[in-house]
Structure formats: C-alpha cells, structure tokens
Amino acid sequence: MSSELPRTAVPYGITDPVERARAELKAALHAIEHKANFPKRAAKATERASAQARLFADRNPTGAALAAVGVAVAVGALVWGAVRLYTR
C-alpha cells in the first residue's frame, strides 16, 4: 500500500525552515490550482456521472430508458415555456 501524500499536503519531519516554507508554498499553490481549475473539475465530474449512468443503464435498461424520456420531456417543457414567455 502506498503512503504517498497528496500534492496539497506538507510532509512531516522537515526541520529546515526554508525547506518547510518551500513545501508549504508548493502545497498552497497546488491547492489553489485544484480549486481554481474549474474545467478540470467539471471534466472529472462529467466522467464520473457518465460512468454512473452507464452502470445504471447496464443494470436497469428500462429505468434508464424511462429516465431518458423524462429528461427529454423536462427539457422540452423548459424550452417550450421559455419560448412562450419570450413570445408574449
């Protein structure tokens, strides 16, 4: 089992104050990059959601078909309502 630290953590046992400050700065910059990189986080969330949807479709094809129809109806109703509001 690997006990590798995440990139946003500061390792224990650093006694040199300069090395500790460098490690803290490096960890802080990685944490900021992780929080600020919205496209990367969105891509990972999309991959997770699509994998879950595929798994659900494999286990329950009827439910997946009904869910797809429900989403299509909801999107259609939303577009219809928006167009109706716009044309009034």
C-alpha atoms as a PDB file:
ATOM      1  CA  MET A   1       0.000   0.000   0.000  1.00  0.00           C
ATOM      2  CA  SER A   2       1.380   3.379  -0.993  1.00  0.00           C
ATOM      3  CA  SER A   3       1.531   6.077   1.672  1.00  0.00           C
ATOM      4  CA  GLU A   4       2.209   8.881  -0.785  1.00  0.00           C
ATOM      5  CA  LEU A   5       0.990  12.285   0.366  1.00  0.00           C
ATOM      6  CA  PRO A   6      -1.400  14.297  -1.751  1.00  0.00           C
ATOM      7  CA  ARG A   7       0.144  17.219  -3.601  1.00  0.00           C
ATOM      8  CA  THR A   8      -1.697  19.659  -1.325  1.00  0.00           C
ATOM      9  CA  ALA A   9      -0.200  18.284   1.909  1.00  0.00           C
ATOM     10  CA  VAL A  10       3.029  19.312   3.639  1.00  0.00           C
ATOM     11  CA  PRO A  11       5.172  16.320   4.651  1.00  0.00           C
ATOM     12  CA  TYR A  12       6.111  15.840   8.313  1.00  0.00           C
ATOM     13  CA  GLY A  13       9.664  15.904   9.536  1.00  0.00           C
ATOM     14  CA  ILE A  14      11.005  18.870   7.617  1.00  0.00           C
ATOM     15  CA  THR A  15      13.278  20.657  10.090  1.00  0.00           C
ATOM     16  CA  ASP A  16      14.894  23.211   7.804  1.00  0.00           C
ATOM     17  CA  PRO A  17      12.703  26.353   7.892  1.00  0.00           C
ATOM     18  CA  VAL A  18      13.490  27.226   4.274  1.00  0.00           C
ATOM     19  CA  GLU A  19      12.579  23.745   3.031  1.00  0.00           C
ATOM     20  CA  ARG A  20       9.413  23.796   5.169  1.00  0.00           C
ATOM     21  CA  ALA A  21       8.414  27.185   3.708  1.00  0.00           C
ATOM     22  CA  ARG A  22       9.025  25.875   0.184  1.00  0.00           C
ATOM     23  CA  ALA A  23       6.946  22.771   0.901  1.00  0.00           C
ATOM     24  CA  GLU A  24       4.119  24.892   2.352  1.00  0.00           C
ATOM     25  CA  LEU A  25       4.190  27.250  -0.644  1.00  0.00           C
ATOM     26  CA  LYS A  26       4.188  24.325  -3.055  1.00  0.00           C
ATOM     27  CA  ALA A  27       1.229  22.728  -1.249  1.00  0.00           C
ATOM     28  CA  ALA A  28      -0.666  26.034  -1.177  1.00  0.00           C
ATOM     29  CA  LEU A  29      -0.112  26.598  -4.901  1.00  0.00           C
ATOM     30  CA  HIS A  30      -1.327  23.076  -5.691  1.00  0.00           C
ATOM     31  CA  ALA A  31      -4.418  23.619  -3.530  1.00  0.00           C
ATOM     32  CA  ILE A  32      -5.167  26.911  -5.301  1.00  0.00           C
ATOM     33  CA  GLU A  33      -4.679  25.266  -8.698  1.00  0.00           C
ATOM     34  CA  HIS A  34      -7.010  22.434  -7.698  1.00  0.00           C
ATOM     35  CA  LYS A  35      -9.742  24.818  -6.513  1.00  0.00           C
ATOM     36  CA  ALA A  36      -9.391  27.288  -9.406  1.00  0.00           C
ATOM     37  CA  ASN A  37      -9.192  24.754 -12.236  1.00  0.00           C
ATOM     38  CA  PHE A  38     -12.933  24.536 -12.825  1.00  0.00           C
ATOM     39  CA  PRO A  39     -12.749  22.964 -16.317  1.00  0.00           C
ATOM     40  CA  LYS A  40     -10.653  20.079 -14.985  1.00  0.00           C
ATOM     41  CA  ARG A  41     -13.011  19.546 -12.037  1.00  0.00           C
ATOM     42  CA  ALA A  42     -16.040  19.723 -14.340  1.00  0.00           C
ATOM     43  CA  ALA A  43     -14.489  17.183 -16.708  1.00  0.00           C
ATOM     44  CA  LYS A  44     -13.843  14.765 -13.841  1.00  0.00           C
ATOM     45  CA  ALA A  45     -17.398  15.211 -12.537  1.00  0.00           C
ATOM     46  CA  THR A  46     -18.786  14.598 -16.034  1.00  0.00           C
ATOM     47  CA  GLU A  47     -16.710  11.430 -16.378  1.00  0.00           C
ATOM     48  CA  ARG A  48     -17.962  10.174 -13.001  1.00  0.00           C
ATOM     49  CA  ALA A  49     -21.582  10.956 -13.867  1.00  0.00           C
ATOM     50  CA  SER A  50     -21.391   9.292 -17.276  1.00  0.00           C
ATOM     51  CA  ALA A  51     -19.777   6.193 -15.753  1.00  0.00           C
ATOM     52  CA  GLN A  52     -22.567   6.023 -13.172  1.00  0.00           C
ATOM     53  CA  ALA A  53     -25.198   6.480 -15.898  1.00  0.00           C
ATOM     54  CA  ARG A  54     -23.652   3.671 -17.966  1.00  0.00           C
ATOM     55  CA  LEU A  55     -23.605   1.405 -14.929  1.00  0.00           C
ATOM     56  CA  PHE A  56     -27.249   2.253 -14.180  1.00  0.00           C
ATOM     57  CA  ALA A  57     -28.192   1.583 -17.822  1.00  0.00           C
ATOM     58  CA  ASP A  58     -26.409  -1.781 -17.733  1.00  0.00           C
ATOM     59  CA  ARG A  59     -28.187  -2.815 -14.539  1.00  0.00           C
ATOM     60  CA  ASN A  60     -31.606  -1.355 -15.331  1.00  0.00           C
ATOM     61  CA  PRO A  61     -32.200  -0.687 -19.044  1.00  0.00           C
ATOM     62  CA  THR A  62     -35.916   0.019 -18.605  1.00  0.00           C
ATOM     63  CA  GLY A  63     -35.260   2.536 -15.867  1.00  0.00           C
ATOM     64  CA  ALA A  64     -32.581   4.194 -17.978  1.00  0.00           C
ATOM     65  CA  ALA A  65     -34.964   4.484 -20.915  1.00  0.00           C
ATOM     66  CA  LEU A  66     -37.639   5.988 -18.680  1.00  0.00           C
ATOM     67  CA  ALA A  67     -35.108   8.401 -17.205  1.00  0.00           C
ATOM     68  CA  ALA A  68     -34.024   9.466 -20.707  1.00  0.00           C
ATOM     69  CA  VAL A  69     -37.635  10.040 -21.719  1.00  0.00           C
ATOM     70  CA  GLY A  70     -38.237  12.012 -18.516  1.00  0.00           C
ATOM     71  CA  VAL A  71     -35.213  14.215 -19.132  1.00  0.00           C
ATOM     72  CA  ALA A  72     -36.300  14.797 -22.731  1.00  0.00           C
ATOM     73  CA  VAL A  73     -39.805  15.774 -21.589  1.00  0.00           C
ATOM     74  CA  ALA A  74     -38.404  18.108 -18.928  1.00  0.00           C
ATOM     75  CA  VAL A  75     -36.034  19.816 -21.389  1.00  0.00           C
ATOM     76  CA  GLY A  76     -38.810  20.103 -23.954  1.00  0.00           C
ATOM     77  CA  ALA A  77     -41.163  21.659 -21.402  1.00  0.00           C
ATOM     78  CA  LEU A  78     -38.456  24.072 -20.282  1.00  0.00           C
ATOM     79  CA  VAL A  79     -37.731  25.173 -23.865  1.00  0.00           C
ATOM     80  CA  TRP A  80     -41.434  25.430 -24.649  1.00  0.00           C
ATOM     81  CA  GLY A  81     -42.015  27.563 -21.548  1.00  0.00           C
ATOM     82  CA  ALA A  82     -39.066  29.827 -22.316  1.00  0.00           C
ATOM     83  CA  VAL A  83     -40.211  30.358 -25.908  1.00  0.00           C
ATOM     84  CA  ARG A  84     -43.762  31.014 -24.764  1.00  0.00           C
ATOM     85  CA  LEU A  85     -42.569  33.605 -22.245  1.00  0.00           C
ATOM     86  CA  TYR A  86     -40.348  35.222 -24.862  1.00  0.00           C
ATOM     87  CA  THR A  87     -43.111  35.484 -27.489  1.00  0.00           C
ATOM     88  CA  ARG A  88     -45.635  37.070 -25.093  1.00  0.00           C
END
